[in-house]
Structures are given as structure tokens and as C-alpha cells.
Amino acid sequence: MSTTLSEAESRRLVSEHGVAVSRFVTGETTEAILDALEADESVTYPVAAKLCGRQIAHKSERGLLRLQINDPQSLRTACDELLAAAEPSDGAVELLVSSMVEGSRELICGLHKDPQFGLTVMLGIGGVLAEAVRDVAFRLAPITEADAEEMTDDLKSQRLLGEFRGEPALRRQDLTDVLMALCSLGAAHPEVLSVDLNPLIIADGRPVAVDALVEVAQ
């Protein structure tokens, strides 16, 4: 038996181990979100708003995601709509509002506990290209920094990791740090079955997770 943590819970867990995530606040009501944004000046417009909970896995398919919200009134409307879209089967839900992260390149990164081999670490090209190019690298955990660097080098789409469309090259040490952070998380929490960071947006050369999903054994 396993359960999937909510996005908010997943974000907090991975960030505790050193994964950079987009700045965010949570709240159970629209007013709580607006108050949280006013109190936390690090979360700036434009923002994305989501309805999240342990029973909500596919936000986009259900229309539980709003992007490029530019002002408090638009955010109020979006939050009211998201709360109204909750279904009884969703169980406990909350709103998550996060700063938008700008970048044209996306990676995917994660952990998976294989019944035979144990924890594996994965890195690949993410976003809309993920299924088309299937450019991924795997290693058995735990890994060293040298292993993490080799995983980055193993990706075939190296041109995406250099300077791209006026954006700076990927800061490879930061990506190494993400992979090492996932291994640290897996070692500290043996109940973790999988971690999915998708996408990691390369923003100003830095990989930032804008979504996280953690599955744990009950």
C-alpha cells in the first residue's frame, strides 16, 4: 500500500533536502491565500494557482491550474473557481500559489524504488519533448557527485544545456546538487517509493522545480 503526498507536502519535503522549488504559499481559503501573499513578499506576480490534495494527481486534466495571474483581483477569482471545482472524492484540499518561473528549457528528475535493484535516480529532458525524445539517464543510488555529473553528460540533448535562445547555460553544479539532494532524501526517508520533479525549469541557468510529487509507503 502506498499514498501520494499533496504537491504542497511534496514541495516542502524535497526543499528540506536542498531542491530549489519555486516560491509558494498555501491556504485553505481565498482570504488565507491573499493574506499569505501579503505577508510573504518573496512570492511575486505573476503567479500560478493550483488546487492540491493527496487525492488530486492530474490538475491540468481537471482544470485545477491557473497560470499567469497578474493581480490580487484575478487571483481572488481564480482561487474561488478552484475551490468551487473541488469534488467530495478529493478529500482535504488546499490552494497553492507559486511565483511563475520563466525559462524555455525543462528537465525531469526523480527517484524510484525498484523492487529488485532498490533506489534509482533519473534525469532527463522534460516538458513537451519528454515523450518524443526519450533522453534520460539512470543510476543506482546512492550516487557521488561524479556520478551526477556523468548523468548530465549522458544526455544527448547537450545543446539544450548550453546557451540557448539568449538564456545562459545550465549551471551544472546546481543540477548536480539536485540529484544529490534526491539521494539524501531517499536515504533519510526509507518510506519514500518515488519522487517526481517535473518540470525542472532552467531559469537564468538554474534548475528550479515548479512541481513535485512524492509517493510513500503506508
C-alpha atoms as a PDB file:
ATOM      1  CA  MET A   1       0.000   0.000   0.000  1.00  0.00           C
ATOM      2  CA  SER A   2       1.191   3.499  -0.804  1.00  0.00           C
ATOM      3  CA  THR A   3      -0.062   7.052  -0.764  1.00  0.00           C
ATOM      4  CA  THR A   4       0.898  10.143  -2.723  1.00  0.00           C
ATOM      5  CA  LEU A   5       1.645  13.317  -0.809  1.00  0.00           C
ATOM      6  CA  SER A   6      -0.022  16.522  -1.921  1.00  0.00           C
ATOM      7  CA  GLU A   7       2.039  18.870  -4.044  1.00  0.00           C
ATOM      8  CA  ALA A   8       2.475  21.210  -1.095  1.00  0.00           C
ATOM      9  CA  GLU A   9       3.712  18.374   1.131  1.00  0.00           C
ATOM     10  CA  SER A  10       5.966  17.108  -1.654  1.00  0.00           C
ATOM     11  CA  ARG A  11       7.435  20.555  -2.264  1.00  0.00           C
ATOM     12  CA  ARG A  12       8.231  21.012   1.399  1.00  0.00           C
ATOM     13  CA  LEU A  13       9.888  17.604   1.671  1.00  0.00           C
ATOM     14  CA  VAL A  14      12.154  17.994  -1.349  1.00  0.00           C
ATOM     15  CA  SER A  15      13.077  21.575  -0.429  1.00  0.00           C
ATOM     16  CA  GLU A  16      14.087  20.428   3.068  1.00  0.00           C
ATOM     17  CA  HIS A  17      16.747  18.284   1.380  1.00  0.00           C
ATOM     18  CA  GLY A  18      18.067  21.058  -0.863  1.00  0.00           C
ATOM     19  CA  VAL A  19      15.970  21.011  -4.043  1.00  0.00           C
ATOM     20  CA  ALA A  20      15.221  24.551  -5.245  1.00  0.00           C
ATOM     21  CA  VAL A  21      11.461  24.974  -5.735  1.00  0.00           C
ATOM     22  CA  SER A  22       9.543  27.999  -6.964  1.00  0.00           C
ATOM     23  CA  ARG A  23       8.451  30.251  -4.096  1.00  0.00           C
ATOM     24  CA  PHE A  24       4.937  29.416  -2.903  1.00  0.00           C
ATOM     25  CA  VAL A  25       2.286  29.880  -0.238  1.00  0.00           C
ATOM     26  CA  THR A  26      -0.667  27.687   0.704  1.00  0.00           C
ATOM     27  CA  GLY A  27      -4.049  28.261   2.283  1.00  0.00           C
ATOM     28  CA  GLU A  28      -7.403  26.567   2.703  1.00  0.00           C
ATOM     29  CA  THR A  29      -9.394  29.646   1.671  1.00  0.00           C
ATOM     30  CA  THR A  30      -9.073  32.502  -0.793  1.00  0.00           C
ATOM     31  CA  GLU A  31      -8.655  35.005   2.040  1.00  0.00           C
ATOM     32  CA  ALA A  32      -5.923  32.882   3.610  1.00  0.00           C
ATOM     33  CA  ILE A  33      -4.015  32.887   0.313  1.00  0.00           C
ATOM     34  CA  LEU A  34      -4.319  36.652  -0.107  1.00  0.00           C
ATOM     35  CA  ASP A  35      -3.147  37.192   3.479  1.00  0.00           C
ATOM     36  CA  ALA A  36      -0.229  34.802   2.969  1.00  0.00           C
ATOM     37  CA  LEU A  37       0.853  36.602  -0.194  1.00  0.00           C
ATOM     38  CA  GLU A  38       0.729  39.936   1.576  1.00  0.00           C
ATOM     39  CA  ALA A  39       2.886  38.543   4.381  1.00  0.00           C
ATOM     40  CA  ASP A  40       5.423  36.793   2.110  1.00  0.00           C
ATOM     41  CA  GLU A  41       6.968  39.289  -0.282  1.00  0.00           C
ATOM     42  CA  SER A  42       9.148  36.618  -1.881  1.00  0.00           C
ATOM     43  CA  VAL A  43       6.137  35.274  -3.816  1.00  0.00           C
ATOM     44  CA  THR A  44       5.626  37.834  -6.562  1.00  0.00           C
ATOM     45  CA  TYR A  45       3.276  38.270  -9.512  1.00  0.00           C
ATOM     46  CA  PRO A  46       2.730  36.762 -12.000  1.00  0.00           C
ATOM     47  CA  VAL A  47       1.714  33.648 -10.080  1.00  0.00           C
ATOM     48  CA  ALA A  48       0.220  30.233 -10.729  1.00  0.00           C
ATOM     49  CA  ALA A  49      -2.657  28.922  -8.608  1.00  0.00           C
ATOM     50  CA  LYS A  50      -3.483  25.249  -8.076  1.00  0.00           C
ATOM     51  CA  LEU A  51      -5.898  23.146  -6.064  1.00  0.00           C
ATOM     52  CA  CYS A  52      -3.918  20.388  -4.403  1.00  0.00           C
ATOM     53  CA  GLY A  53      -4.540  17.454  -2.113  1.00  0.00           C
ATOM     54  CA  ARG A  54      -3.457  13.852  -1.662  1.00  0.00           C
ATOM     55  CA  GLN A  55      -6.238  12.600  -3.937  1.00  0.00           C
ATOM     56  CA  ILE A  56      -5.517  15.097  -6.744  1.00  0.00           C
ATOM     57  CA  ALA A  57      -2.905  13.767  -9.164  1.00  0.00           C
ATOM     58  CA  HIS A  58      -3.811  15.321 -12.523  1.00  0.00           C
ATOM     59  CA  LYS A  59      -4.533  19.008 -12.064  1.00  0.00           C
ATOM     60  CA  SER A  60      -4.302  20.018 -15.724  1.00  0.00           C
ATOM     61  CA  GLU A  61      -6.781  17.419 -16.945  1.00  0.00           C
ATOM     62  CA  ARG A  62      -9.364  18.629 -14.443  1.00  0.00           C
ATOM     63  CA  GLY A  63      -8.728  22.328 -14.963  1.00  0.00           C
ATOM     64  CA  LEU A  64      -7.340  22.784 -11.450  1.00  0.00           C
ATOM     65  CA  LEU A  65      -4.486  25.030 -12.574  1.00  0.00           C
ATOM     66  CA  ARG A  66      -4.430  28.751 -13.406  1.00  0.00           C
ATOM     67  CA  LEU A  67      -1.351  30.412 -14.912  1.00  0.00           C
ATOM     68  CA  GLN A  68      -0.069  33.971 -15.425  1.00  0.00           C
ATOM     69  CA  ILE A  69      -2.228  35.625 -12.772  1.00  0.00           C
ATOM     70  CA  ASN A  70      -1.086  39.230 -12.552  1.00  0.00           C
ATOM     71  CA  ASP A  71      -3.043  40.932  -9.760  1.00  0.00           C
ATOM     72  CA  PRO A  72      -4.913  40.241  -6.496  1.00  0.00           C
ATOM     73  CA  GLN A  73      -8.387  40.525  -8.007  1.00  0.00           C
ATOM     74  CA  SER A  74      -7.611  37.991 -10.719  1.00  0.00           C
ATOM     75  CA  LEU A  75      -6.096  35.748  -8.062  1.00  0.00           C
ATOM     76  CA  ARG A  76      -9.228  36.027  -5.922  1.00  0.00           C
ATOM     77  CA  THR A  77     -11.360  34.955  -8.879  1.00  0.00           C
ATOM     78  CA  ALA A  78      -9.046  32.051  -9.711  1.00  0.00           C
ATOM     79  CA  CYS A  79      -8.957  30.775  -6.131  1.00  0.00           C
ATOM     80  CA  ASP A  80     -12.745  30.947  -5.796  1.00  0.00           C
ATOM     81  CA  GLU A  81     -13.114  28.965  -9.028  1.00  0.00           C
ATOM     82  CA  LEU A  82     -10.587  26.331  -7.944  1.00  0.00           C
ATOM     83  CA  LEU A  83     -12.262  25.791  -4.581  1.00  0.00           C
ATOM     84  CA  ALA A  84     -15.633  25.508  -6.296  1.00  0.00           C
ATOM     85  CA  ALA A  85     -14.224  22.774  -8.564  1.00  0.00           C
ATOM     86  CA  ALA A  86     -13.312  20.501  -5.635  1.00  0.00           C
ATOM     87  CA  GLU A  87     -15.199  17.199  -5.510  1.00  0.00           C
ATOM     88  CA  PRO A  88     -16.088  15.127  -2.431  1.00  0.00           C
ATOM     89  CA  SER A  89     -13.740  12.368  -3.598  1.00  0.00           C
ATOM     90  CA  ASP A  90     -10.815  14.831  -3.440  1.00  0.00           C
ATOM     91  CA  GLY A  91     -10.861  14.753   0.366  1.00  0.00           C
ATOM     92  CA  ALA A  92      -8.942  17.518   2.114  1.00  0.00           C
ATOM     93  CA  VAL A  93      -7.742  20.170  -0.331  1.00  0.00           C
ATOM     94  CA  GLU A  94      -5.886  23.459  -0.187  1.00  0.00           C
ATOM     95  CA  LEU A  95      -4.799  26.191  -2.538  1.00  0.00           C
ATOM     96  CA  LEU A  96      -1.183  26.537  -3.610  1.00  0.00           C
ATOM     97  CA  VAL A  97       0.005  29.778  -5.195  1.00  0.00           C
ATOM     98  CA  SER A  98       3.502  29.957  -6.633  1.00  0.00           C
ATOM     99  CA  SER A  99       5.622  32.528  -8.426  1.00  0.00           C
ATOM    100  CA  MET A 100       5.861  31.827 -12.146  1.00  0.00           C
ATOM    101  CA  VAL A 101       9.304  30.700 -13.307  1.00  0.00           C
ATOM    102  CA  GLU A 102      10.381  31.811 -16.783  1.00  0.00           C
ATOM    103  CA  GLY A 103      12.534  29.576 -18.948  1.00  0.00           C
ATOM    104  CA  SER A 104      12.249  27.801 -22.298  1.00  0.00           C
ATOM    105  CA  ARG A 105      14.043  24.582 -21.245  1.00  0.00           C
ATOM    106  CA  GLU A 106      12.659  21.890 -18.961  1.00  0.00           C
ATOM    107  CA  LEU A 107      14.214  18.856 -17.304  1.00  0.00           C
ATOM    108  CA  ILE A 108      12.683  15.976 -15.382  1.00  0.00           C
ATOM    109  CA  CYS A 109      14.368  14.435 -12.380  1.00  0.00           C
ATOM    110  CA  GLY A 110      13.358  11.806  -9.863  1.00  0.00           C
ATOM    111  CA  LEU A 111      13.805   8.782  -7.650  1.00  0.00           C
ATOM    112  CA  HIS A 112      12.225   5.363  -7.994  1.00  0.00           C
ATOM    113  CA  LYS A 113      12.445   2.381  -5.653  1.00  0.00           C
ATOM    114  CA  ASP A 114      12.761  -0.722  -7.797  1.00  0.00           C
ATOM    115  CA  PRO A 115      11.730  -3.998  -6.075  1.00  0.00           C
ATOM    116  CA  GLN A 116      14.870  -5.702  -7.331  1.00  0.00           C
ATOM    117  CA  PHE A 117      17.543  -3.006  -7.507  1.00  0.00           C
ATOM    118  CA  GLY A 118      16.423  -0.536  -4.849  1.00  0.00           C
ATOM    119  CA  LEU A 119      16.545   3.230  -5.342  1.00  0.00           C
ATOM    120  CA  THR A 120      17.402   4.571  -8.785  1.00  0.00           C
ATOM    121  CA  VAL A 121      17.989   8.199  -9.750  1.00  0.00           C
ATOM    122  CA  MET A 122      16.717   9.551 -13.061  1.00  0.00           C
ATOM    123  CA  LEU A 123      17.471  12.677 -15.089  1.00  0.00           C
ATOM    124  CA  GLY A 124      16.040  13.552 -18.472  1.00  0.00           C
ATOM    125  CA  ILE A 125      14.723  16.147 -20.863  1.00  0.00           C
ATOM    126  CA  GLY A 126      11.252  17.169 -19.670  1.00  0.00           C
ATOM    127  CA  GLY A 127       8.290  19.188 -20.827  1.00  0.00           C
ATOM    128  CA  VAL A 128       6.519  18.596 -24.118  1.00  0.00           C
ATOM    129  CA  LEU A 129       9.644  16.976 -25.575  1.00  0.00           C
ATOM    130  CA  ALA A 130       9.948  14.265 -22.918  1.00  0.00           C
ATOM    131  CA  GLU A 131       7.955  11.532 -24.653  1.00  0.00           C
ATOM    132  CA  ALA A 132       9.238  12.430 -28.111  1.00  0.00           C
ATOM    133  CA  VAL A 133      12.978  12.443 -27.468  1.00  0.00           C
ATOM    134  CA  ARG A 134      13.141   9.978 -24.525  1.00  0.00           C
ATOM    135  CA  ASP A 135      16.507  11.402 -23.499  1.00  0.00           C
ATOM    136  CA  VAL A 136      17.135  10.037 -19.984  1.00  0.00           C
ATOM    137  CA  ALA A 137      19.937   8.785 -17.750  1.00  0.00           C
ATOM    138  CA  PHE A 138      19.713   6.457 -14.749  1.00  0.00           C
ATOM    139  CA  ARG A 139      21.984   5.478 -11.857  1.00  0.00           C
ATOM    140  CA  LEU A 140      21.590   3.277  -8.793  1.00  0.00           C
ATOM    141  CA  ALA A 141      21.510   5.272  -5.560  1.00  0.00           C
ATOM    142  CA  PRO A 142      23.456   6.381  -3.698  1.00  0.00           C
ATOM    143  CA  ILE A 143      25.467   8.348  -6.236  1.00  0.00           C
ATOM    144  CA  THR A 144      28.564  10.501  -5.978  1.00  0.00           C
ATOM    145  CA  GLU A 145      28.957  13.980  -7.417  1.00  0.00           C
ATOM    146  CA  ALA A 146      30.992  12.401 -10.222  1.00  0.00           C
ATOM    147  CA  ASP A 147      28.045  10.095 -10.982  1.00  0.00           C
ATOM    148  CA  ALA A 148      25.691  13.072 -11.070  1.00  0.00           C
ATOM    149  CA  GLU A 149      27.982  14.926 -13.456  1.00  0.00           C
ATOM    150  CA  GLU A 150      28.146  11.844 -15.695  1.00  0.00           C
ATOM    151  CA  MET A 151      24.352  11.675 -15.791  1.00  0.00           C
ATOM    152  CA  THR A 152      24.242  15.216 -17.126  1.00  0.00           C
ATOM    153  CA  ASP A 153      26.928  14.371 -19.674  1.00  0.00           C
ATOM    154  CA  ASP A 154      24.961  11.267 -20.741  1.00  0.00           C
ATOM    155  CA  LEU A 155      22.045  13.329 -22.026  1.00  0.00           C
ATOM    156  CA  LYS A 156      22.101  13.511 -25.812  1.00  0.00           C
ATOM    157  CA  SER A 157      20.491  16.954 -25.957  1.00  0.00           C
ATOM    158  CA  GLN A 158      23.629  18.781 -24.820  1.00  0.00           C
ATOM    159  CA  ARG A 159      22.822  21.835 -26.944  1.00  0.00           C
ATOM    160  CA  LEU A 160      19.816  22.479 -24.710  1.00  0.00           C
ATOM    161  CA  LEU A 161      22.132  22.684 -21.719  1.00  0.00           C
ATOM    162  CA  GLY A 162      24.404  25.355 -23.170  1.00  0.00           C
ATOM    163  CA  GLU A 163      23.485  28.933 -24.023  1.00  0.00           C
ATOM    164  CA  PHE A 164      20.057  28.752 -25.633  1.00  0.00           C
ATOM    165  CA  ARG A 165      17.865  31.443 -27.213  1.00  0.00           C
ATOM    166  CA  GLY A 166      19.542  34.210 -25.268  1.00  0.00           C
ATOM    167  CA  GLU A 167      19.395  32.293 -21.980  1.00  0.00           C
ATOM    168  CA  PRO A 168      22.590  31.409 -20.080  1.00  0.00           C
ATOM    169  CA  ALA A 169      23.970  27.883 -19.967  1.00  0.00           C
ATOM    170  CA  LEU A 170      22.776  25.466 -17.307  1.00  0.00           C
ATOM    171  CA  ARG A 171      24.719  25.796 -14.065  1.00  0.00           C
ATOM    172  CA  ARG A 172      25.726  22.152 -13.946  1.00  0.00           C
ATOM    173  CA  GLN A 173      26.779  22.204 -10.307  1.00  0.00           C
ATOM    174  CA  ASP A 174      23.236  23.273  -9.382  1.00  0.00           C
ATOM    175  CA  LEU A 175      21.840  20.280 -11.270  1.00  0.00           C
ATOM    176  CA  THR A 176      24.357  18.012  -9.537  1.00  0.00           C
ATOM    177  CA  ASP A 177      23.109  19.436  -6.237  1.00  0.00           C
ATOM    178  CA  VAL A 178      19.517  18.495  -7.151  1.00  0.00           C
ATOM    179  CA  LEU A 179      20.491  14.898  -7.898  1.00  0.00           C
ATOM    180  CA  MET A 180      22.494  14.657  -4.671  1.00  0.00           C
ATOM    181  CA  ALA A 181      19.575  16.169  -2.734  1.00  0.00           C
ATOM    182  CA  LEU A 182      17.256  13.454  -4.052  1.00  0.00           C
ATOM    183  CA  CYS A 183      19.674  10.782  -2.866  1.00  0.00           C
ATOM    184  CA  SER A 184      19.839  12.457   0.539  1.00  0.00           C
ATOM    185  CA  LEU A 185      16.039  12.437   0.703  1.00  0.00           C
ATOM    186  CA  GLY A 186      15.869   8.758  -0.226  1.00  0.00           C
ATOM    187  CA  ALA A 187      18.430   7.814   2.409  1.00  0.00           C
ATOM    188  CA  ALA A 188      16.692   9.828   5.127  1.00  0.00           C
ATOM    189  CA  HIS A 189      13.205   8.563   4.290  1.00  0.00           C
ATOM    190  CA  PRO A 190      13.172   4.814   3.522  1.00  0.00           C
ATOM    191  CA  GLU A 191       9.386   5.002   3.216  1.00  0.00           C
ATOM    192  CA  VAL A 192       9.725   7.047   0.009  1.00  0.00           C
ATOM    193  CA  LEU A 193       8.892   4.979  -3.077  1.00  0.00           C
ATOM    194  CA  SER A 194       9.249   7.661  -5.730  1.00  0.00           C
ATOM    195  CA  VAL A 195       9.908  11.347  -6.260  1.00  0.00           C
ATOM    196  CA  ASP A 196       8.958  13.165  -9.435  1.00  0.00           C
ATOM    197  CA  LEU A 197      10.250  16.674 -10.174  1.00  0.00           C
ATOM    198  CA  ASN A 198       8.574  17.596 -13.441  1.00  0.00           C
ATOM    199  CA  PRO A 199       9.354  20.036 -14.721  1.00  0.00           C
ATOM    200  CA  LEU A 200      12.624  21.477 -13.549  1.00  0.00           C
ATOM    201  CA  ILE A 201      12.699  24.760 -15.442  1.00  0.00           C
ATOM    202  CA  ILE A 202      16.123  26.178 -16.250  1.00  0.00           C
ATOM    203  CA  ALA A 203      15.729  29.798 -15.170  1.00  0.00           C
ATOM    204  CA  ASP A 204      18.782  32.059 -15.543  1.00  0.00           C
ATOM    205  CA  GLY A 205      20.857  28.888 -15.731  1.00  0.00           C
ATOM    206  CA  ARG A 206      19.442  27.457 -12.502  1.00  0.00           C
ATOM    207  CA  PRO A 207      17.161  24.379 -12.345  1.00  0.00           C
ATOM    208  CA  VAL A 208      14.022  25.188 -10.334  1.00  0.00           C
ATOM    209  CA  ALA A 209      11.266  22.655  -9.598  1.00  0.00           C
ATOM    210  CA  VAL A 210       7.790  24.039 -10.274  1.00  0.00           C
ATOM    211  CA  ASP A 211       6.004  20.782  -9.444  1.00  0.00           C
ATOM    212  CA  ALA A 212       6.842  17.888  -7.146  1.00  0.00           C
ATOM    213  CA  LEU A 213       5.139  14.602  -6.360  1.00  0.00           C
ATOM    214  CA  VAL A 214       6.285  12.155  -3.683  1.00  0.00           C
ATOM    215  CA  GLU A 215       4.879   8.651  -3.178  1.00  0.00           C
ATOM    216  CA  VAL A 216       5.409   6.952   0.168  1.00  0.00           C
ATOM    217  CA  ALA A 217       4.692   3.502   1.581  1.00  0.00           C
ATOM    218  CA  GLN A 218       1.958   3.432   4.202  1.00  0.00           C
END
